[in-house]
């Protein structure tokens, strides 16, 4: 019996160890920008990374046009402004990993965070743009470098007040996603850190038809669902947690959104994968919010990230030939505004029920910020683009053949 026990413990530990995902070793890759900045980012040795487009400002989310070109939004800076732009990233050279041209498509926009394309049943292509105060669409002609449709349709308007960092800031981004069946989804963030909202549209994801009709709330209780994409048959969202619960909670969350679900904000939060009722009043309130009486029906997340790491854009790599990212999400963790917390500033590999693994880090080195990853767009099984809205750079990453 003593021999059996002596053998059993190491064997059990061995099989437990074998069941855990192995962390791929990350190695330094030198980055040299036209601005003169030189630094290292750490990613797997068999990948290469190239600054594909530089000289942008607060470059945010991608959209692929029906003609194959890549469009990207640029919010200009962190203020509420009308200096935003949508750019066309054109003439991509796969050998060098760089775009030959960056062309302004639309300018003088109010915080353009997200754009999308849609082709209707009649074959008409449409360009959709989400700004802080409205969602518009206009007809799109393949190959155009400026809009040929000068009379955009306003499909929805959104509340746009609340710019006060005294109350935890506000959320001026709007994000668009289309489902395979043509339904349109728009994420609208909260007006505050934690409060009882005046408008039902806040802290929600809306569903509507491509022409804006049939609008309804698809999911609610999401403080700020910035990342939003249909992948693998589900509408996935990355969501940012409240700021008044300390340095190590709540989780930043990642959901496969369910129709009609309430994800709990501002009454509930998640920590280490478990949902809790929030009994701690935020600084701007004398008592907790009253939206929910308990958290019994609040779903736990599909995945989660360290507190205040600011999960943003992502994409799914179901057909990758690299086992490290195959059937997994790559998610941008934009990074905590408070550098002393230090969470985020990386791109991570997410699989449901598994421990997070770093795919790329080094954007924060000590107290020095070299970048803040924002969106990810998969180009092929082992290649993708990502935006850095801190340095105004679009990067191209691919696995060496």
Protein backbone atom coordinates (compact mmCIF):
# COMPACT_ATOMS: atom_id res chain seq x y z
CA UNK A 1 0.00 0.00 0.00
CA UNK A 2 2.85 2.42 0.79
CA UNK A 3 4.45 1.61 -2.58
CA UNK A 4 1.12 2.21 -4.36
CA UNK A 5 0.68 5.57 -2.61
CA UNK A 6 4.24 6.56 -3.45
CA UNK A 7 3.61 5.79 -7.11
CA UNK A 8 0.10 7.27 -7.22
CA UNK A 9 1.01 10.80 -6.14
CA UNK A 10 3.71 11.40 -8.79
CA UNK A 11 1.57 9.74 -11.49
CA UNK A 12 -1.46 11.87 -10.59
CA UNK A 13 0.69 14.98 -10.66
CA UNK A 14 2.14 13.87 -14.01
CA UNK A 15 -1.27 13.44 -15.64
CA UNK A 16 -2.51 16.73 -14.17
CA UNK A 17 0.56 18.46 -15.58
CA UNK A 18 0.06 16.81 -18.95
CA UNK A 19 -3.53 18.10 -19.11
CA UNK A 20 -2.51 21.75 -18.70
CA UNK A 21 -1.74 23.82 -21.81
CA UNK A 22 1.96 24.45 -22.32
CA UNK A 23 3.06 28.08 -22.57
CA UNK A 24 4.83 28.74 -25.84
CA UNK A 25 8.10 30.55 -25.24
CA UNK A 26 8.07 34.17 -26.34
CA UNK A 27 11.19 35.79 -27.77
CA UNK A 28 12.11 39.46 -28.36
CA UNK A 29 11.35 40.88 -31.82
CA UNK A 30 12.88 44.28 -32.60
CA UNK A 31 10.47 47.03 -33.63
CA UNK A 32 11.77 50.15 -35.40
CA UNK A 33 9.22 52.85 -36.12
CA UNK A 34 9.53 55.82 -38.47
CA UNK A 35 9.07 58.08 -35.43
CA UNK A 36 12.47 56.91 -34.21
CA UNK A 37 11.14 54.62 -31.47
CA UNK A 38 13.04 51.34 -31.14
CA UNK A 39 11.91 48.62 -28.72
CA UNK A 40 11.19 44.90 -28.46
CA UNK A 41 7.88 43.07 -28.43
CA UNK A 42 7.84 39.47 -27.29
CA UNK A 43 6.02 36.83 -29.36
CA UNK A 44 6.64 33.24 -30.50
CA UNK A 45 9.95 32.77 -32.29
CA UNK A 46 8.32 31.35 -35.42
CA UNK A 47 6.27 34.53 -35.98
CA UNK A 48 7.36 37.82 -37.47
CA UNK A 49 5.90 41.27 -36.85
CA UNK A 50 6.03 44.31 -39.15
CA UNK A 51 4.73 47.88 -38.80
CA UNK A 52 2.35 47.76 -41.79
CA UNK A 53 1.07 51.36 -41.56
CA UNK A 54 2.38 54.22 -39.43
CA UNK A 55 1.69 57.87 -38.71
CA UNK A 56 -1.93 57.41 -37.64
CA UNK A 57 -3.46 58.75 -34.42
CA UNK A 58 -5.90 56.80 -32.23
CA UNK A 59 -6.37 54.01 -34.76
CA UNK A 60 -9.10 51.61 -33.65
CA UNK A 61 -11.20 48.93 -35.42
CA UNK A 62 -10.96 47.19 -38.78
CA UNK A 63 -13.57 46.45 -41.45
CA UNK A 64 -13.01 44.45 -44.63
CA UNK A 65 -14.77 45.87 -47.70
CA UNK A 66 -16.56 43.73 -50.32
CA UNK A 67 -13.69 44.54 -52.72
CA UNK A 68 -11.16 43.07 -50.28
CA UNK A 69 -9.62 46.32 -49.05
CA UNK A 70 -9.09 46.97 -45.36
CA UNK A 71 -10.72 50.02 -43.75
CA UNK A 72 -9.82 51.24 -40.26
CA UNK A 73 -11.26 53.89 -37.93
CA UNK A 74 -9.21 56.55 -36.18
CA UNK A 75 -10.66 58.52 -33.22
CA UNK A 76 -7.77 61.05 -33.27
CA UNK A 77 -7.29 61.28 -29.49
CA UNK A 78 -8.97 60.63 -26.13
CA UNK A 79 -11.13 63.75 -26.14
CA UNK A 80 -14.67 64.13 -27.42
CA UNK A 81 -13.90 65.61 -30.83
CA UNK A 82 -14.89 65.76 -34.50
CA UNK A 83 -11.42 65.09 -35.86
CA UNK A 84 -11.89 61.37 -36.49
CA UNK A 85 -11.13 59.65 -39.79
CA UNK A 86 -11.82 56.41 -41.60
CA UNK A 87 -8.80 55.28 -43.61
CA UNK A 88 -8.38 52.81 -46.45
CA UNK A 89 -5.30 50.62 -46.02
CA UNK A 90 -4.41 49.82 -49.63
CA UNK A 91 -1.78 48.15 -51.84
CA UNK A 92 -0.69 45.55 -49.31
CA UNK A 93 2.64 43.87 -50.11
CA UNK A 94 2.64 40.44 -48.48
CA UNK A 95 6.40 40.09 -48.96
CA UNK A 96 7.26 43.23 -46.98
CA UNK A 97 4.16 43.13 -44.77
CA UNK A 98 3.39 46.78 -45.48
CA UNK A 99 0.57 48.81 -47.02
CA UNK A 100 1.62 50.97 -49.95
CA UNK A 101 -1.05 53.62 -49.36
CA UNK A 102 -3.13 54.96 -46.48
CA UNK A 103 -6.02 56.96 -47.93
CA UNK A 104 -8.50 59.08 -45.91
CA UNK A 105 -11.99 57.89 -46.87
CA UNK A 106 -14.07 60.02 -44.48
CA UNK A 107 -12.90 62.88 -42.25
CA UNK A 108 -14.24 65.25 -39.55
CA UNK A 109 -16.04 62.45 -37.73
CA UNK A 110 -17.15 62.33 -34.11
CA UNK A 111 -15.16 59.57 -32.42
CA UNK A 112 -15.54 56.91 -35.15
CA UNK A 113 -14.80 53.66 -33.32
CA UNK A 114 -16.28 51.05 -35.65
CA UNK A 115 -17.32 50.58 -39.27
CA UNK A 116 -18.77 47.60 -41.14
CA UNK A 117 -19.90 46.58 -44.61
CA UNK A 118 -23.07 44.74 -45.59
CA UNK A 119 -24.45 43.51 -48.93
CA UNK A 120 -28.24 43.33 -49.07
CA UNK A 121 -30.46 40.84 -50.94
CA UNK A 122 -30.45 43.07 -54.04
CA UNK A 123 -26.65 43.07 -54.18
CA UNK A 124 -26.30 46.64 -52.95
CA UNK A 125 -23.19 47.22 -50.80
CA UNK A 126 -23.51 49.45 -47.74
CA UNK A 127 -20.95 51.15 -45.51
CA UNK A 128 -22.00 51.49 -41.84
CA UNK A 129 -20.31 53.87 -39.41
CA UNK A 130 -20.76 54.17 -35.64
CA UNK A 131 -20.00 57.53 -34.08
CA UNK A 132 -20.71 58.59 -30.50
CA UNK A 133 -24.08 60.13 -31.26
CA UNK A 134 -25.34 58.15 -34.26
CA UNK A 135 -25.24 55.13 -36.55
CA UNK A 136 -25.29 55.88 -40.28
CA UNK A 137 -25.08 53.95 -43.52
CA UNK A 138 -24.39 54.94 -47.11
CA UNK A 139 -24.20 53.08 -50.41
CA UNK A 140 -20.72 51.79 -51.19
CA UNK A 141 -19.22 51.33 -54.64
CA UNK A 142 -16.31 48.86 -54.84
CA UNK A 143 -13.02 50.59 -55.58
CA UNK A 144 -14.10 54.05 -54.48
CA UNK A 145 -11.60 56.13 -52.49
CA UNK A 146 -14.18 58.71 -51.41
CA UNK A 147 -17.86 58.11 -50.68
CA UNK A 148 -19.96 58.18 -53.84
CA UNK A 149 -23.10 58.43 -51.70
CA UNK A 150 -23.12 61.89 -50.14
CA UNK A 151 -26.45 61.49 -48.35
CA UNK A 152 -25.94 58.97 -45.53
CA UNK A 153 -28.99 57.57 -43.77
CA UNK A 154 -29.15 57.94 -39.98
CA UNK A 155 -30.40 54.60 -38.62
CA UNK A 156 -30.14 55.35 -34.88
CA UNK A 157 -29.12 58.09 -32.50
CA UNK A 158 -27.46 57.57 -29.11
CA UNK A 159 -27.15 59.61 -25.90
CA UNK A 160 -23.88 61.51 -26.02
CA UNK A 161 -23.63 63.44 -22.77
CA UNK A 162 -21.64 62.68 -19.66
CA UNK A 163 -18.04 63.58 -20.37
CA UNK A 164 -16.88 63.78 -16.77
CA UNK A 165 -13.98 61.77 -15.42
CA UNK A 166 -15.18 62.67 -11.92
CA UNK A 167 -17.68 59.84 -12.40
CA UNK A 168 -15.29 57.32 -13.91
CA UNK A 169 -15.41 58.81 -17.39
CA UNK A 170 -17.99 57.94 -19.97
CA UNK A 171 -18.05 55.57 -22.88
CA UNK A 172 -18.08 57.37 -26.21
CA UNK A 173 -17.40 54.35 -28.43
CA UNK A 174 -20.05 52.46 -30.40
CA UNK A 175 -19.23 49.10 -32.00
CA UNK A 176 -21.01 47.38 -34.91
CA UNK A 177 -21.29 43.68 -35.82
CA UNK A 178 -23.35 41.81 -38.41
CA UNK A 179 -24.73 38.30 -37.93
CA UNK A 180 -24.69 35.76 -40.79
CA UNK A 181 -28.47 36.22 -41.10
CA UNK A 182 -28.05 39.97 -41.70
CA UNK A 183 -29.12 41.23 -38.29
CA UNK A 184 -27.18 44.27 -37.13
CA UNK A 185 -25.82 44.65 -33.58
CA UNK A 186 -24.52 47.80 -31.89
CA UNK A 187 -22.84 48.06 -28.49
CA UNK A 188 -23.58 51.20 -26.42
CA UNK A 189 -21.55 51.73 -23.25
CA UNK A 190 -22.69 53.15 -19.92
CA UNK A 191 -22.60 56.86 -19.06
CA UNK A 192 -20.75 56.26 -15.79
CA UNK A 193 -18.66 53.88 -13.73
CA UNK A 194 -21.62 52.46 -11.78
CA UNK A 195 -25.06 54.05 -11.62
CA UNK A 196 -28.75 53.66 -12.42
CA UNK A 197 -28.99 54.81 -16.02
CA UNK A 198 -31.67 57.20 -17.26
CA UNK A 199 -31.78 55.65 -20.75
CA UNK A 200 -32.45 51.96 -21.31
CA UNK A 201 -30.15 51.92 -24.34
CA UNK A 202 -27.09 52.48 -22.14
CA UNK A 203 -24.92 49.50 -21.14
CA UNK A 204 -26.51 47.29 -23.77
CA UNK A 205 -26.14 45.60 -27.14
CA UNK A 206 -28.90 46.51 -29.58
CA UNK A 207 -30.27 44.37 -32.39
CA UNK A 208 -31.93 45.80 -35.52
CA UNK A 209 -32.50 45.09 -39.17
CA UNK A 210 -29.94 46.41 -41.67
CA UNK A 211 -32.19 49.42 -42.39
CA UNK A 212 -32.48 50.27 -38.68
CA UNK A 213 -36.01 48.93 -38.26
CA UNK A 214 -37.04 46.40 -35.61
CA UNK A 215 -34.67 47.82 -33.03
CA UNK A 216 -34.64 46.12 -29.64
CA UNK A 217 -32.29 45.36 -26.76
CA UNK A 218 -30.55 42.04 -27.37
CA UNK A 219 -28.46 41.95 -24.16
CA UNK A 220 -28.04 44.37 -21.25
CA UNK A 221 -26.07 44.88 -18.06
CA UNK A 222 -22.80 45.29 -20.01
CA UNK A 223 -20.83 48.26 -18.71
CA UNK A 224 -18.84 48.74 -21.91
CA UNK A 225 -18.82 45.99 -24.54
CA UNK A 226 -16.23 47.47 -26.90
CA UNK A 227 -15.22 44.31 -28.76
CA UNK A 228 -18.13 42.78 -30.70
CA UNK A 229 -17.99 40.05 -33.40
CA UNK A 230 -19.95 37.09 -34.71
CA UNK A 231 -17.66 34.09 -34.68
CA UNK A 232 -18.29 30.33 -34.52
CA UNK A 233 -22.07 30.83 -34.52
CA UNK A 234 -22.17 33.25 -31.58
CA UNK A 235 -22.10 36.96 -30.91
CA UNK A 236 -19.02 37.43 -28.73
CA UNK A 237 -18.29 40.56 -26.71
CA UNK A 238 -15.41 41.78 -24.57
CA UNK A 239 -16.64 43.85 -21.63
CA UNK A 240 -14.93 46.22 -19.21
CA UNK A 241 -15.69 46.02 -15.49
CA UNK A 242 -16.27 48.78 -12.94
CA UNK A 243 -13.47 50.86 -11.43
CA UNK A 244 -14.45 51.21 -7.76
CA UNK A 245 -13.72 47.71 -6.42
CA UNK A 246 -9.98 47.97 -5.95
CA UNK A 247 -6.94 46.98 -7.97
CA UNK A 248 -7.67 43.26 -8.33
CA UNK A 249 -11.36 43.09 -9.12
CA UNK A 250 -13.65 42.85 -10.98
CA UNK A 251 -12.74 40.59 -13.91
CA UNK A 252 -12.73 41.99 -17.40
CA UNK A 253 -15.15 39.61 -19.11
CA UNK A 254 -15.67 37.86 -22.45
CA UNK A 255 -19.17 36.64 -23.32
CA UNK A 256 -20.96 34.54 -25.90
CA UNK A 257 -24.01 36.78 -25.65
CA UNK A 258 -27.45 35.22 -25.23
CA UNK A 259 -30.62 36.83 -26.49
CA UNK A 260 -32.43 38.51 -23.58
CA UNK A 261 -29.67 37.94 -21.03
CA UNK A 262 -28.84 40.48 -18.32
CA UNK A 263 -25.13 40.49 -17.42
CA UNK A 264 -25.66 42.34 -14.18
CA UNK A 265 -23.98 45.74 -14.32
CA UNK A 266 -24.12 47.81 -12.20
CA UNK A 267 -25.58 45.62 -9.44
CA UNK A 268 -23.35 42.59 -10.04
CA UNK A 269 -19.74 41.95 -10.95
CA UNK A 270 -17.49 38.97 -11.59
CA UNK A 271 -14.26 38.04 -9.80
CA UNK A 272 -12.17 34.95 -10.58
CA UNK A 273 -14.99 33.66 -12.72
CA UNK A 274 -17.71 33.93 -10.05
CA UNK A 275 -20.57 36.44 -9.97
CA UNK A 276 -21.11 38.60 -6.87
CA UNK A 277 -23.62 41.22 -5.75
CA UNK A 278 -21.97 44.64 -5.45
CA UNK A 279 -22.51 46.05 -1.96
CA UNK A 280 -19.81 48.72 -2.32
CA UNK A 281 -21.12 52.14 -3.39
CA UNK A 282 -18.92 53.80 -6.02
CA UNK A 283 -17.43 57.16 -5.14
CA UNK A 284 -20.16 59.11 -6.93
CA UNK A 285 -23.07 57.34 -5.19
CA UNK A 286 -24.07 57.22 -1.53
CA UNK A 287 -25.40 53.66 -1.86
CA UNK A 288 -25.24 50.78 -4.34
CA UNK A 289 -27.40 50.79 -7.45
CA UNK A 290 -30.90 49.29 -7.29
CA UNK A 291 -31.22 47.82 -10.78
CA UNK A 292 -31.17 44.19 -9.60
CA UNK A 293 -32.08 42.65 -6.24
CA UNK A 294 -29.71 39.71 -6.66
CA UNK A 295 -27.40 38.08 -9.18
CA UNK A 296 -29.13 34.68 -9.38
CA UNK A 297 -29.79 34.92 -13.12
CA UNK A 298 -26.59 36.69 -14.15
CA UNK A 299 -24.54 34.39 -16.43
CA UNK A 300 -20.88 33.73 -15.74
CA UNK A 301 -18.56 34.68 -18.58
CA UNK A 302 -17.16 32.50 -21.39
CA UNK A 303 -13.71 33.72 -20.35
CA UNK A 304 -12.19 36.47 -18.25
CA UNK A 305 -9.09 38.61 -17.90
CA UNK A 306 -7.24 40.44 -15.10
CA UNK A 307 -9.00 43.43 -13.59
CA UNK A 308 -8.64 46.76 -15.40
CA UNK A 309 -6.79 45.18 -18.32
CA UNK A 310 -9.32 46.66 -20.76
CA UNK A 311 -10.19 43.83 -23.14
CA UNK A 312 -11.00 45.22 -26.60
CA UNK A 313 -10.78 43.66 -30.07
CA UNK A 314 -10.41 39.98 -30.87
CA UNK A 315 -10.65 37.35 -33.58
CA UNK A 316 -11.01 33.57 -33.77
CA UNK A 317 -8.43 31.23 -35.33
CA UNK A 318 -10.34 28.03 -35.95
CA UNK A 319 -8.24 26.80 -38.88
CA UNK A 320 -4.77 27.83 -37.73
CA UNK A 321 -1.99 25.33 -38.43
CA UNK A 322 -0.25 26.49 -35.25
CA UNK A 323 -1.60 24.50 -32.28
CA UNK A 324 -0.83 27.45 -29.99
CA UNK A 325 -3.68 29.50 -31.47
CA UNK A 326 -5.79 26.85 -33.23
CA UNK A 327 -9.47 26.91 -32.14
CA UNK A 328 -8.72 29.87 -29.87
CA UNK A 329 -9.37 33.60 -29.67
CA UNK A 330 -6.62 36.15 -29.75
CA UNK A 331 -7.75 39.08 -27.58
CA UNK A 332 -6.19 42.53 -27.23
CA UNK A 333 -5.78 43.67 -23.65
CA UNK A 334 -5.43 47.41 -24.12
CA UNK A 335 -4.03 47.91 -20.63
CA UNK A 336 -4.99 49.62 -17.40
CA UNK A 337 -4.96 53.42 -17.51
CA UNK A 338 -3.14 53.27 -14.18
CA UNK A 339 0.28 51.94 -15.23
CA UNK A 340 1.04 51.01 -11.61
CA UNK A 341 -1.59 48.27 -11.87
CA UNK A 342 0.15 47.06 -15.01
CA UNK A 343 -2.56 44.67 -16.16
CA UNK A 344 -3.00 44.13 -19.87
CA UNK A 345 -0.70 45.71 -22.48
CA UNK A 346 -0.60 42.41 -24.35
CA UNK A 347 -2.38 40.05 -26.72
CA UNK A 348 -3.53 36.80 -25.14
CA UNK A 349 -4.75 33.37 -26.22
CA UNK A 350 -8.21 32.53 -24.87
CA UNK A 351 -9.88 29.11 -24.87
CA UNK A 352 -12.95 28.39 -22.80
CA UNK A 353 -12.08 26.74 -19.49
CA UNK A 354 -8.31 27.10 -19.98
CA UNK A 355 -5.74 29.39 -18.43
CA UNK A 356 -4.90 32.50 -20.41
CA UNK A 357 -1.59 32.47 -22.24
CA UNK A 358 0.39 35.41 -23.60
CA UNK A 359 0.78 35.53 -27.36
CA UNK A 360 2.49 38.93 -27.34
CA UNK A 361 3.70 41.25 -24.60
CA UNK A 362 6.18 44.05 -24.06
CA UNK A 363 3.91 47.02 -24.74
CA UNK A 364 4.53 48.08 -21.13
CA UNK A 365 8.13 47.85 -19.90
CA UNK A 366 8.55 49.18 -16.39
CA UNK A 367 6.82 52.56 -16.49
CA UNK A 368 7.38 53.00 -20.23
CA UNK A 369 4.44 52.47 -22.58
CA UNK A 370 5.40 51.41 -26.11
CA UNK A 371 1.89 50.71 -27.33
CA UNK A 372 -1.67 49.66 -26.48
CA UNK A 373 -3.19 46.96 -28.71
CA UNK A 374 -6.77 47.58 -29.77
CA UNK A 375 -8.34 45.49 -32.57
CA UNK A 376 -7.37 42.21 -34.24
CA UNK A 377 -8.32 41.16 -37.78
CA UNK A 378 -7.53 37.62 -38.93
CA UNK A 379 -6.22 37.59 -42.52
CA UNK A 380 -5.40 33.89 -42.93
CA UNK A 381 -4.94 30.80 -40.80
CA UNK A 382 -1.69 32.11 -39.27
CA UNK A 383 -1.66 35.85 -40.04
CA UNK A 384 -3.45 38.89 -38.68
CA UNK A 385 -3.40 42.66 -38.36
CA UNK A 386 -3.72 44.56 -35.10
CA UNK A 387 -4.01 48.23 -34.25
CA UNK A 388 -2.03 50.15 -31.64
CA UNK A 389 -4.05 53.24 -30.77
CA UNK A 390 -1.29 54.65 -28.55
CA UNK A 391 1.40 54.94 -31.23
CA UNK A 392 -0.92 55.12 -34.25
CA UNK A 393 0.45 51.96 -35.86
CA UNK A 394 -1.13 49.03 -37.68
CA UNK A 395 0.99 45.88 -37.32
CA UNK A 396 1.09 42.75 -39.49
CA UNK A 397 1.87 39.46 -37.74
CA UNK A 398 2.37 36.11 -39.48
CA UNK A 399 3.87 32.73 -38.82
CA UNK A 400 6.96 31.99 -40.84
CA UNK A 401 6.43 29.23 -43.40
